[in-house]
PDB file of N, CA and C in Angstrom:
ATOM      1  N   UNK A   1       0.396  27.274  28.214  1.00  0.00           N
ATOM      2  CA  UNK A   1       0.865  26.694  27.344  1.00  0.00           C
ATOM      3  C   UNK A   1      -0.301  25.059  27.535  1.00  0.00           C
ATOM      4  N   UNK A   2      -0.967  24.684  26.640  1.00  0.00           N
ATOM      5  CA  UNK A   2      -1.919  23.427  26.807  1.00  0.00           C
ATOM      6  C   UNK A   2      -1.147  22.632  27.197  1.00  0.00           C
ATOM      7  N   UNK A   3      -1.547  21.123  27.511  1.00  0.00           N
ATOM      8  CA  UNK A   3      -0.913  19.922  27.782  1.00  0.00           C
ATOM      9  C   UNK A   3      -0.624  19.167  26.442  1.00  0.00           C
ATOM     10  N   UNK A   4       0.676  18.334  26.510  1.00  0.00           N
ATOM     11  CA  UNK A   4       0.800  17.674  24.783  1.00  0.00           C
ATOM     12  C   UNK A   4      -0.253  16.892  25.146  1.00  0.00           C
ATOM     13  N   UNK A   5      -0.930  16.384  23.825  1.00  0.00           N
ATOM     14  CA  UNK A   5      -1.282  15.526  23.101  1.00  0.00           C
ATOM     15  C   UNK A   5      -0.307  13.805  23.044  1.00  0.00           C
ATOM     16  N   UNK A   6      -0.932  12.544  23.546  1.00  0.00           N
ATOM     17  CA  UNK A   6       0.074  11.743  23.008  1.00  0.00           C
ATOM     18  C   UNK A   6      -1.286  10.575  22.748  1.00  0.00           C
ATOM     19  N   UNK A   7      -0.892   9.354  21.983  1.00  0.00           N
ATOM     20  CA  UNK A   7      -1.219   8.222  21.977  1.00  0.00           C
ATOM     21  C   UNK A   7      -1.822   7.684  22.828  1.00  0.00           C
ATOM     22  N   UNK A   8      -1.911   6.508  22.717  1.00  0.00           N
ATOM     23  CA  UNK A   8      -2.138   5.624  23.695  1.00  0.00           C
ATOM     24  C   UNK A   8      -0.867   4.639  24.282  1.00  0.00           C
ATOM     25  N   UNK A   9       0.113   4.830  23.207  1.00  0.00           N
ATOM     26  CA  UNK A   9       1.453   4.318  23.466  1.00  0.00           C
ATOM     27  C   UNK A   9       1.802   5.315  23.730  1.00  0.00           C
ATOM     28  N   UNK A  10       1.596   6.635  24.541  1.00  0.00           N
ATOM     29  CA  UNK A  10       2.410   7.508  24.930  1.00  0.00           C
ATOM     30  C   UNK A  10       3.676   8.139  23.613  1.00  0.00           C
ATOM     31  N   UNK A  11       3.275   8.548  22.956  1.00  0.00           N
ATOM     32  CA  UNK A  11       3.923   8.825  21.728  1.00  0.00           C
ATOM     33  C   UNK A  11       3.329  10.470  21.201  1.00  0.00           C
ATOM     34  N   UNK A  12       4.146  11.332  21.401  1.00  0.00           N
ATOM     35  CA  UNK A  12       3.945  12.554  21.196  1.00  0.00           C
ATOM     36  C   UNK A  12       4.056  12.854  19.619  1.00  0.00           C
ATOM     37  N   UNK A  13       3.105  13.275  18.674  1.00  0.00           N
ATOM     38  CA  UNK A  13       2.767  13.052  17.487  1.00  0.00           C
ATOM     39  C   UNK A  13       2.880  14.820  17.218  1.00  0.00           C
ATOM     40  N   UNK A  14       3.619  15.215  17.058  1.00  0.00           N
ATOM     41  CA  UNK A  14       3.367  16.934  16.407  1.00  0.00           C
ATOM     42  C   UNK A  14       3.633  17.665  15.391  1.00  0.00           C
ATOM     43  N   UNK A  15       4.310  16.312  14.607  1.00  0.00           N
ATOM     44  CA  UNK A  15       4.824  16.493  12.854  1.00  0.00           C
ATOM     45  C   UNK A  15       3.815  16.303  11.860  1.00  0.00           C
ATOM     46  N   UNK A  16       3.302  17.423  11.385  1.00  0.00           N
ATOM     47  CA  UNK A  16       2.490  17.199  10.295  1.00  0.00           C
ATOM     48  C   UNK A  16       3.245  16.501   8.990  1.00  0.00           C
ATOM     49  N   UNK A  17       2.391  15.700   8.284  1.00  0.00           N
ATOM     50  CA  UNK A  17       2.408  15.287   7.017  1.00  0.00           C
ATOM     51  C   UNK A  17       1.355  15.028   5.872  1.00  0.00           C
ATOM     52  N   UNK A  18       1.684  15.861   4.776  1.00  0.00           N
ATOM     53  CA  UNK A  18       0.612  15.874   4.347  1.00  0.00           C
ATOM     54  C   UNK A  18       0.995  15.452   2.599  1.00  0.00           C
ATOM     55  N   UNK A  19       0.107  14.644   1.645  1.00  0.00           N
ATOM     56  CA  UNK A  19       0.025  15.233   0.265  1.00  0.00           C
ATOM     57  C   UNK A  19      -0.949  15.040  -0.410  1.00  0.00           C
ATOM     58  N   UNK A  20      -0.686  14.864  -1.551  1.00  0.00           N
ATOM     59  CA  UNK A  20      -2.068  15.364  -2.603  1.00  0.00           C
ATOM     60  C   UNK A  20      -2.534  14.214  -3.282  1.00  0.00           C
ATOM     61  N   UNK A  21      -3.843  14.214  -3.250  1.00  0.00           N
ATOM     62  CA  UNK A  21      -4.612  13.090  -4.282  1.00  0.00           C
ATOM     63  C   UNK A  21      -5.156  13.570  -5.121  1.00  0.00           C
ATOM     64  N   UNK A  22      -5.014  12.494  -6.480  1.00  0.00           N
ATOM     65  CA  UNK A  22      -6.660  13.341  -7.491  1.00  0.00           C
ATOM     66  C   UNK A  22      -7.672  12.853  -6.483  1.00  0.00           C
ATOM     67  N   UNK A  23      -9.077  13.396  -7.359  1.00  0.00           N
ATOM     68  CA  UNK A  23     -10.484  13.030  -6.711  1.00  0.00           C
ATOM     69  C   UNK A  23     -10.603  11.628  -6.879  1.00  0.00           C
ATOM     70  N   UNK A  24     -10.073  10.688  -7.901  1.00  0.00           N
ATOM     71  CA  UNK A  24     -10.574   9.160  -7.759  1.00  0.00           C
ATOM     72  C   UNK A  24      -9.704   8.949  -6.609  1.00  0.00           C
ATOM     73  N   UNK A  25      -8.468   8.974  -6.423  1.00  0.00           N
ATOM     74  CA  UNK A  25      -7.684   8.642  -5.568  1.00  0.00           C
ATOM     75  C   UNK A  25      -8.232   8.754  -3.942  1.00  0.00           C
ATOM     76  N   UNK A  26      -8.627   9.734  -3.917  1.00  0.00           N
ATOM     77  CA  UNK A  26      -9.469  10.373  -2.714  1.00  0.00           C
ATOM     78  C   UNK A  26     -10.634   9.053  -2.467  1.00  0.00           C
ATOM     79  N   UNK A  27     -11.403   9.263  -3.810  1.00  0.00           N
ATOM     80  CA  UNK A  27     -12.731   8.450  -3.309  1.00  0.00           C
ATOM     81  C   UNK A  27     -12.243   6.686  -3.085  1.00  0.00           C
ATOM     82  N   UNK A  28     -10.845   6.350  -3.409  1.00  0.00           N
ATOM     83  CA  UNK A  28     -10.384   5.110  -3.413  1.00  0.00           C
ATOM     84  C   UNK A  28     -10.277   4.697  -1.635  1.00  0.00           C
ATOM     85  N   UNK A  29      -9.386   5.925  -1.290  1.00  0.00           N
ATOM     86  CA  UNK A  29      -8.467   6.510  -0.032  1.00  0.00           C
ATOM     87  C   UNK A  29      -9.926   6.254   0.840  1.00  0.00           C
ATOM     88  N   UNK A  30     -10.961   6.774   0.775  1.00  0.00           N
ATOM     89  CA  UNK A  30     -12.495   7.195   1.380  1.00  0.00           C
ATOM     90  C   UNK A  30     -12.778   5.691   1.752  1.00  0.00           C
ATOM     91  N   UNK A  31     -12.855   5.050   0.722  1.00  0.00           N
ATOM     92  CA  UNK A  31     -13.680   3.638   0.735  1.00  0.00           C
ATOM     93  C   UNK A  31     -12.886   2.809   1.963  1.00  0.00           C
ATOM     94  N   UNK A  32     -11.849   2.604   1.470  1.00  0.00           N
ATOM     95  CA  UNK A  32     -10.604   1.621   2.050  1.00  0.00           C
ATOM     96  C   UNK A  32     -10.495   2.453   3.606  1.00  0.00           C
ATOM     97  N   UNK A  33     -10.812   3.500   3.898  1.00  0.00           N
ATOM     98  CA  UNK A  33     -10.572   4.006   5.143  1.00  0.00           C
ATOM     99  C   UNK A  33     -12.173   3.669   5.859  1.00  0.00           C
ATOM    100  N   UNK A  34     -13.327   3.854   5.200  1.00  0.00           N
ATOM    101  CA  UNK A  34     -14.764   3.779   5.881  1.00  0.00           C
ATOM    102  C   UNK A  34     -14.419   2.108   6.074  1.00  0.00           C
ATOM    103  N   UNK A  35     -14.329   1.346   5.278  1.00  0.00           N
ATOM    104  CA  UNK A  35     -14.100  -0.489   5.273  1.00  0.00           C
ATOM    105  C   UNK A  35     -13.248  -0.654   6.538  1.00  0.00           C
ATOM    106  N   UNK A  36     -11.899  -0.113   6.632  1.00  0.00           N
ATOM    107  CA  UNK A  36     -10.962  -0.343   7.726  1.00  0.00           C
ATOM    108  C   UNK A  36     -11.595  -0.343   9.130  1.00  0.00           C
ATOM    109  N   UNK A  37     -12.464   0.661   9.653  1.00  0.00           N
ATOM    110  CA  UNK A  37     -13.066   1.220  10.727  1.00  0.00           C
ATOM    111  C   UNK A  37     -12.218   2.558  11.322  1.00  0.00           C
ATOM    112  N   UNK A  38     -11.093   2.349  10.838  1.00  0.00           N
ATOM    113  CA  UNK A  38     -10.163   3.505  11.455  1.00  0.00           C
ATOM    114  C   UNK A  38     -10.179   4.884  11.304  1.00  0.00           C
ATOM    115  N   UNK A  39      -9.413   5.630  11.700  1.00  0.00           N
ATOM    116  CA  UNK A  39      -9.706   7.035  11.880  1.00  0.00           C
ATOM    117  C   UNK A  39      -8.612   7.227   9.920  1.00  0.00           C
ATOM    118  N   UNK A  40      -9.065   8.049   9.404  1.00  0.00           N
ATOM    119  CA  UNK A  40      -8.130   8.553   8.042  1.00  0.00           C
ATOM    120  C   UNK A  40      -6.325   8.522   8.491  1.00  0.00           C
ATOM    121  N   UNK A  41      -6.074   9.088   9.637  1.00  0.00           N
ATOM    122  CA  UNK A  41      -4.716   9.698   9.857  1.00  0.00           C
ATOM    123  C   UNK A  41      -4.266   8.017  10.298  1.00  0.00           C
ATOM    124  N   UNK A  42      -4.657   7.394  11.186  1.00  0.00           N
ATOM    125  CA  UNK A  42      -4.276   6.078  11.576  1.00  0.00           C
ATOM    126  C   UNK A  42      -4.339   4.930  10.149  1.00  0.00           C
ATOM    127  N   UNK A  43      -5.530   4.719   9.591  1.00  0.00           N
ATOM    128  CA  UNK A  43      -5.185   4.166   8.071  1.00  0.00           C
ATOM    129  C   UNK A  43      -3.663   4.495   7.341  1.00  0.00           C
ATOM    130  N   UNK A  44      -4.003   5.910   7.052  1.00  0.00           N
ATOM    131  CA  UNK A  44      -2.625   6.495   6.314  1.00  0.00           C
ATOM    132  C   UNK A  44      -1.103   5.970   6.535  1.00  0.00           C
ATOM    133  N   UNK A  45      -1.338   6.195   8.245  1.00  0.00           N
ATOM    134  CA  UNK A  45      -0.039   5.895   8.523  1.00  0.00           C
ATOM    135  C   UNK A  45       0.506   4.634   8.659  1.00  0.00           C
ATOM    136  N   UNK A  46      -0.714   3.555   8.971  1.00  0.00           N
ATOM    137  CA  UNK A  46      -0.157   2.185   8.996  1.00  0.00           C
ATOM    138  C   UNK A  46      -0.051   1.635   7.916  1.00  0.00           C
ATOM    139  N   UNK A  47      -0.199   2.316   6.720  1.00  0.00           N
ATOM    140  CA  UNK A  47      -0.244   1.711   5.240  1.00  0.00           C
ATOM    141  C   UNK A  47       1.019   2.153   5.131  1.00  0.00           C
ATOM    142  N   UNK A  48       1.444   3.522   5.136  1.00  0.00           N
ATOM    143  CA  UNK A  48       2.485   4.084   4.737  1.00  0.00           C
ATOM    144  C   UNK A  48       4.008   3.116   5.621  1.00  0.00           C
ATOM    145  N   UNK A  49       3.591   2.676   6.455  1.00  0.00           N
ATOM    146  CA  UNK A  49       4.499   2.593   7.522  1.00  0.00           C
ATOM    147  C   UNK A  49       4.518   0.689   6.973  1.00  0.00           C
ATOM    148  N   UNK A  50       3.820   0.185   6.078  1.00  0.00           N
ATOM    149  CA  UNK A  50       3.631  -1.270   6.184  1.00  0.00           C
ATOM    150  C   UNK A  50       3.385  -1.899   7.252  1.00  0.00           C
ATOM    151  N   UNK A  51       2.523  -1.444   8.156  1.00  0.00           N
ATOM    152  CA  UNK A  51       1.707  -2.013   9.570  1.00  0.00           C
ATOM    153  C   UNK A  51       0.313  -2.881   9.110  1.00  0.00           C
ATOM    154  N   UNK A  52       0.350  -4.068   9.737  1.00  0.00           N
ATOM    155  CA  UNK A  52      -1.019  -4.478   9.288  1.00  0.00           C
ATOM    156  C   UNK A  52      -2.342  -3.567   9.716  1.00  0.00           C
ATOM    157  N   UNK A  53      -3.483  -3.802   8.719  1.00  0.00           N
ATOM    158  CA  UNK A  53      -4.758  -2.603   9.281  1.00  0.00           C
ATOM    159  C   UNK A  53      -5.882  -4.101   9.489  1.00  0.00           C
ATOM    160  N   UNK A  54      -5.784  -4.003  10.912  1.00  0.00           N
ATOM    161  CA  UNK A  54      -6.824  -5.352  11.159  1.00  0.00           C
ATOM    162  C   UNK A  54      -8.066  -4.514  11.480  1.00  0.00           C
ATOM    163  N   UNK A  55      -9.279  -5.153  10.507  1.00  0.00           N
ATOM    164  CA  UNK A  55     -10.233  -4.599  10.371  1.00  0.00           C
ATOM    165  C   UNK A  55     -11.562  -5.440  11.771  1.00  0.00           C
ATOM    166  N   UNK A  56     -11.647  -4.366  12.438  1.00  0.00           N
ATOM    167  CA  UNK A  56     -12.811  -5.062  13.648  1.00  0.00           C
ATOM    168  C   UNK A  56     -14.039  -4.907  13.686  1.00  0.00           C
ATOM    169  N   UNK A  57     -15.065  -6.124  13.181  1.00  0.00           N
ATOM    170  CA  UNK A  57     -16.101  -5.530  12.715  1.00  0.00           C
ATOM    171  C   UNK A  57     -17.103  -5.307  13.824  1.00  0.00           C
ATOM    172  N   UNK A  58     -17.639  -3.820  13.465  1.00  0.00           N
ATOM    173  CA  UNK A  58     -18.949  -3.198  14.565  1.00  0.00           C
ATOM    174  C   UNK A  58     -20.038  -3.065  13.128  1.00  0.00           C
ATOM    175  N   UNK A  59     -20.902  -1.961  13.712  1.00  0.00           N
ATOM    176  CA  UNK A  59     -21.834  -2.047  13.133  1.00  0.00           C
ATOM    177  C   UNK A  59     -21.523  -0.984  11.661  1.00  0.00           C
ATOM    178  N   UNK A  60     -20.273   0.314  12.355  1.00  0.00           N
ATOM    179  CA  UNK A  60     -19.579   1.077  11.330  1.00  0.00           C
ATOM    180  C   UNK A  60     -19.407   0.459   9.912  1.00  0.00           C
ATOM    181  N   UNK A  61     -18.235  -0.596  10.391  1.00  0.00           N
ATOM    182  CA  UNK A  61     -17.962  -1.443   9.276  1.00  0.00           C
ATOM    183  C   UNK A  61     -18.624  -2.057   8.413  1.00  0.00           C
ATOM    184  N   UNK A  62     -19.848  -2.471   9.095  1.00  0.00           N
ATOM    185  CA  UNK A  62     -21.025  -3.451   8.168  1.00  0.00           C
ATOM    186  C   UNK A  62     -21.547  -2.508   7.660  1.00  0.00           C
ATOM    187  N   UNK A  63     -22.170  -1.514   7.886  1.00  0.00           N
ATOM    188  CA  UNK A  63     -22.908  -0.212   7.231  1.00  0.00           C
ATOM    189  C   UNK A  63     -21.822   0.295   5.741  1.00  0.00           C
ATOM    190  N   UNK A  64     -20.469   0.330   5.972  1.00  0.00           N
ATOM    191  CA  UNK A  64     -19.642   1.233   4.816  1.00  0.00           C
ATOM    192  C   UNK A  64     -19.383  -0.186   3.747  1.00  0.00           C
ATOM    193  N   UNK A  65     -19.291  -1.257   4.058  1.00  0.00           N
ATOM    194  CA  UNK A  65     -19.026  -2.516   3.618  1.00  0.00           C
ATOM    195  C   UNK A  65     -20.626  -2.825   2.663  1.00  0.00           C
ATOM    196  N   UNK A  66     -21.690  -2.647   3.131  1.00  0.00           N
ATOM    197  CA  UNK A  66     -23.142  -2.818   2.662  1.00  0.00           C
ATOM    198  C   UNK A  66     -23.235  -1.864   1.784  1.00  0.00           C
ATOM    199  N   UNK A  67     -22.600  -0.524   1.489  1.00  0.00           N
ATOM    200  CA  UNK A  67     -22.776   0.772   0.846  1.00  0.00           C
ATOM    201  C   UNK A  67     -21.826   0.732  -0.310  1.00  0.00           C
ATOM    202  N   UNK A  68     -20.968  -0.080   0.026  1.00  0.00           N
ATOM    203  CA  UNK A  68     -19.733  -0.799  -0.855  1.00  0.00           C
ATOM    204  C   UNK A  68     -20.316  -1.851  -2.030  1.00  0.00           C
ATOM    205  N   UNK A  69     -20.962  -2.202  -1.120  1.00  0.00           N
ATOM    206  CA  UNK A  69     -21.082  -4.015  -2.217  1.00  0.00           C
ATOM    207  C   UNK A  69     -22.527  -3.675  -3.128  1.00  0.00           C
ATOM    208  N   UNK A  70     -23.186  -2.607  -2.767  1.00  0.00           N
ATOM    209  CA  UNK A  70     -24.363  -2.052  -3.484  1.00  0.00           C
ATOM    210  C   UNK A  70     -23.910  -0.927  -4.798  1.00  0.00           C
ATOM    211  N   UNK A  71     -22.830  -0.474  -4.275  1.00  0.00           N
ATOM    212  CA  UNK A  71     -22.393   0.118  -5.705  1.00  0.00           C
ATOM    213  C   UNK A  71     -21.724  -0.433  -6.237  1.00  0.00           C
ATOM    214  N   UNK A  72     -20.795  -1.880  -5.921  1.00  0.00           N
ATOM    215  CA  UNK A  72     -19.916  -2.917  -6.746  1.00  0.00           C
ATOM    216  C   UNK A  72     -21.205  -3.319  -7.476  1.00  0.00           C
ATOM    217  N   UNK A  73     -22.378  -3.391  -6.782  1.00  0.00           N
ATOM    218  CA  UNK A  73     -23.427  -4.692  -7.341  1.00  0.00           C
ATOM    219  C   UNK A  73     -23.825  -3.711  -8.937  1.00  0.00           C
ATOM    220  N   UNK A  74     -24.229  -2.546  -8.794  1.00  0.00           N
ATOM    221  CA  UNK A  74     -24.871  -1.470  -9.375  1.00  0.00           C
ATOM    222  C   UNK A  74     -23.744  -1.971 -10.714  1.00  0.00           C
ATOM    223  N   UNK A  75     -22.281  -1.613 -10.533  1.00  0.00           N
ATOM    224  CA  UNK A  75     -21.433  -1.522 -11.018  1.00  0.00           C
ATOM    225  C   UNK A  75     -21.271  -3.071 -12.111  1.00  0.00           C
ATOM    226  N   UNK A  76     -21.538  -4.007 -11.368  1.00  0.00           N
ATOM    227  CA  UNK A  76     -21.183  -5.247 -12.186  1.00  0.00           C
ATOM    228  C   UNK A  76     -22.524  -5.380 -13.134  1.00  0.00           C
ATOM    229  N   UNK A  77     -23.684  -4.879 -12.765  1.00  0.00           N
ATOM    230  CA  UNK A  77     -25.154  -4.988 -13.369  1.00  0.00           C
ATOM    231  C   UNK A  77     -24.723  -4.363 -14.771  1.00  0.00           C
ATOM    232  N   UNK A  78     -24.114  -3.290 -14.870  1.00  0.00           N
ATOM    233  CA  UNK A  78     -23.997  -2.353 -15.978  1.00  0.00           C
ATOM    234  C   UNK A  78     -22.299  -3.017 -16.915  1.00  0.00           C
ATOM    235  N   UNK A  79     -21.555  -3.605 -16.340  1.00  0.00           N
ATOM    236  CA  UNK A  79     -20.485  -4.325 -16.911  1.00  0.00           C
ATOM    237  C   UNK A  79     -21.147  -5.464 -17.869  1.00  0.00           C
ATOM    238  N   UNK A  80     -22.292  -6.182 -17.212  1.00  0.00           N
ATOM    239  CA  UNK A  80     -23.047  -7.265 -17.916  1.00  0.00           C
ATOM    240  C   UNK A  80     -23.885  -6.703 -19.328  1.00  0.00           C
ATOM    241  N   UNK A  81     -23.482  -5.913 -19.754  1.00  0.00           N
ATOM    242  CA  UNK A  81     -23.720  -5.571 -21.276  1.00  0.00           C
ATOM    243  C   UNK A  81     -22.521  -5.512 -21.932  1.00  0.00           C
ATOM    244  N   UNK A  82     -21.352  -6.199 -21.354  1.00  0.00           N
ATOM    245  CA  UNK A  82     -20.239  -6.577 -22.397  1.00  0.00           C
ATOM    246  C   UNK A  82     -19.194  -5.410 -22.118  1.00  0.00           C
ATOM    247  N   UNK A  83     -19.016  -4.939 -21.294  1.00  0.00           N
ATOM    248  CA  UNK A  83     -17.986  -3.714 -21.326  1.00  0.00           C
ATOM    249  C   UNK A  83     -17.104  -4.675 -20.462  1.00  0.00           C
ATOM    250  N   UNK A  84     -16.061  -4.148 -19.932  1.00  0.00           N
ATOM    251  CA  UNK A  84     -14.412  -4.165 -19.108  1.00  0.00           C
ATOM    252  C   UNK A  84     -14.598  -3.942 -17.890  1.00  0.00           C
ATOM    253  N   UNK A  85     -14.365  -4.387 -16.568  1.00  0.00           N
ATOM    254  CA  UNK A  85     -14.354  -3.669 -15.433  1.00  0.00           C
ATOM    255  C   UNK A  85     -13.222  -3.008 -15.176  1.00  0.00           C
ATOM    256  N   UNK A  86     -13.587  -1.769 -14.444  1.00  0.00           N
ATOM    257  CA  UNK A  86     -12.262  -0.638 -14.450  1.00  0.00           C
ATOM    258  C   UNK A  86     -11.186  -1.365 -13.277  1.00  0.00           C
ATOM    259  N   UNK A  87     -10.198  -1.087 -13.185  1.00  0.00           N
ATOM    260  CA  UNK A  87      -9.047  -1.143 -12.337  1.00  0.00           C
ATOM    261  C   UNK A  87      -9.873  -0.948 -10.751  1.00  0.00           C
ATOM    262  N   UNK A  88     -10.380   0.101 -10.604  1.00  0.00           N
ATOM    263  CA  UNK A  88     -10.879   0.255  -9.056  1.00  0.00           C
ATOM    264  C   UNK A  88     -12.181  -0.154  -8.945  1.00  0.00           C
ATOM    265  N   UNK A  89     -13.085  -0.886 -10.057  1.00  0.00           N
ATOM    266  CA  UNK A  89     -13.847  -1.893  -9.337  1.00  0.00           C
ATOM    267  C   UNK A  89     -13.046  -3.154  -8.737  1.00  0.00           C
ATOM    268  N   UNK A  90     -11.670  -3.740  -9.464  1.00  0.00           N
ATOM    269  CA  UNK A  90     -11.201  -4.768  -9.133  1.00  0.00           C
ATOM    270  C   UNK A  90     -10.336  -4.662  -7.850  1.00  0.00           C
ATOM    271  N   UNK A  91      -9.997  -3.412  -7.602  1.00  0.00           N
ATOM    272  CA  UNK A  91      -9.315  -3.147  -6.785  1.00  0.00           C
ATOM    273  C   UNK A  91     -10.336  -3.352  -5.320  1.00  0.00           C
ATOM    274  N   UNK A  92     -11.670  -2.694  -5.572  1.00  0.00           N
ATOM    275  CA  UNK A  92     -12.258  -2.311  -4.609  1.00  0.00           C
ATOM    276  C   UNK A  92     -13.251  -4.140  -4.088  1.00  0.00           C
ATOM    277  N   UNK A  93     -12.845  -4.581  -5.020  1.00  0.00           N
ATOM    278  CA  UNK A  93     -13.707  -6.280  -4.701  1.00  0.00           C
ATOM    279  C   UNK A  93     -12.831  -6.892  -4.278  1.00  0.00           C
ATOM    280  N   UNK A  94     -11.272  -7.308  -4.365  1.00  0.00           N
ATOM    281  CA  UNK A  94      -9.992  -7.826  -3.867  1.00  0.00           C
ATOM    282  C   UNK A  94     -10.524  -6.871  -2.548  1.00  0.00           C
ATOM    283  N   UNK A  95     -10.411  -5.904  -2.053  1.00  0.00           N
ATOM    284  CA  UNK A  95     -10.276  -5.384  -0.601  1.00  0.00           C
ATOM    285  C   UNK A  95     -11.272  -5.768   0.108  1.00  0.00           C
ATOM    286  N   UNK A  96     -12.584  -5.814  -0.478  1.00  0.00           N
ATOM    287  CA  UNK A  96     -14.083  -6.412   0.693  1.00  0.00           C
ATOM    288  C   UNK A  96     -13.275  -8.037   0.679  1.00  0.00           C
ATOM    289  N   UNK A  97     -13.075  -8.814  -0.438  1.00  0.00           N
ATOM    290  CA  UNK A  97     -12.677 -10.132  -0.902  1.00  0.00           C
ATOM    291  C   UNK A  97     -12.122 -10.069   0.887  1.00  0.00           C
ATOM    292  N   UNK A  98     -10.871  -9.511   0.668  1.00  0.00           N
ATOM    293  CA  UNK A  98      -9.512  -9.620   1.867  1.00  0.00           C
ATOM    294  C   UNK A  98     -10.619  -9.539   3.094  1.00  0.00           C
ATOM    295  N   UNK A  99     -11.130  -8.414   3.380  1.00  0.00           N
ATOM    296  CA  UNK A  99     -11.632  -7.992   4.329  1.00  0.00           C
ATOM    297  C   UNK A  99     -12.440  -9.439   5.074  1.00  0.00           C
ATOM    298  N   UNK A 100     -13.533  -9.769   4.394  1.00  0.00           N
ATOM    299  CA  UNK A 100     -14.609 -10.631   4.277  1.00  0.00           C
ATOM    300  C   UNK A 100     -13.223 -12.037   5.021  1.00  0.00           C
ATOM    301  N   UNK A 101     -12.591 -12.755   4.174  1.00  0.00           N
ATOM    302  CA  UNK A 101     -11.733 -13.569   4.139  1.00  0.00           C
ATOM    303  C   UNK A 101     -10.780 -13.724   5.745  1.00  0.00           C
ATOM    304  N   UNK A 102     -10.597 -12.149   6.225  1.00  0.00           N
ATOM    305  CA  UNK A 102     -10.028 -12.165   7.462  1.00  0.00           C
ATOM    306  C   UNK A 102     -10.863 -11.807   8.396  1.00  0.00           C
ATOM    307  N   UNK A 103     -11.880 -11.763   8.458  1.00  0.00           N
ATOM    308  CA  UNK A 103     -12.923 -11.665   9.194  1.00  0.00           C
ATOM    309  C   UNK A 103     -13.219 -13.304  10.064  1.00  0.00           C
ATOM    310  N   UNK A 104     -13.258 -14.189   8.398  1.00  0.00           N
ATOM    311  CA  UNK A 104     -13.681 -15.249   8.620  1.00  0.00           C
ATOM    312  C   UNK A 104     -12.709 -16.061   9.170  1.00  0.00           C
ATOM    313  N   UNK A 105     -11.635 -15.592   9.176  1.00  0.00           N
ATOM    314  CA  UNK A 105     -10.344 -16.374   9.762  1.00  0.00           C
ATOM    315  C   UNK A 105     -10.473 -16.056  11.200  1.00  0.00           C
ATOM    316  N   UNK A 106     -10.765 -15.108  11.578  1.00  0.00           N
ATOM    317  CA  UNK A 106     -10.368 -14.538  13.119  1.00  0.00           C
ATOM    318  C   UNK A 106     -11.453 -14.764  13.632  1.00  0.00           C
ATOM    319  N   UNK A 107     -12.835 -15.682  13.117  1.00  0.00           N
ATOM    320  CA  UNK A 107     -13.690 -16.298  13.880  1.00  0.00           C
ATOM    321  C   UNK A 107     -13.156 -17.734  14.268  1.00  0.00           C
ATOM    322  N   UNK A 108     -12.465 -18.071  13.583  1.00  0.00           N
ATOM    323  CA  UNK A 108     -12.123 -19.724  13.850  1.00  0.00           C
ATOM    324  C   UNK A 108     -11.190 -19.728  15.200  1.00  0.00           C
TER     325      UNK A 108
END
């Protein structure tokens, strides 16, 4: 029998929890996970348990933020022609704004 895998808090996690999402929700979840710098499992259970998600700036987080900011810029340029922003776009902007504000507060 193989050894039990425990996390850094000596918790043995052997229960699997799964859920279904739409393709749009999956994209949104993947964006949030990439911007957080956490593994998807860690991000999901912290969100489900209403725990704080602390973003630690690192090159991977900055690259993800840059990629998402470019996609937001393209969408905003498209919207300058008179369309209304989508709910997803507004949520992405709010998420990135919160992350940047949190990083700024952390540096103080």
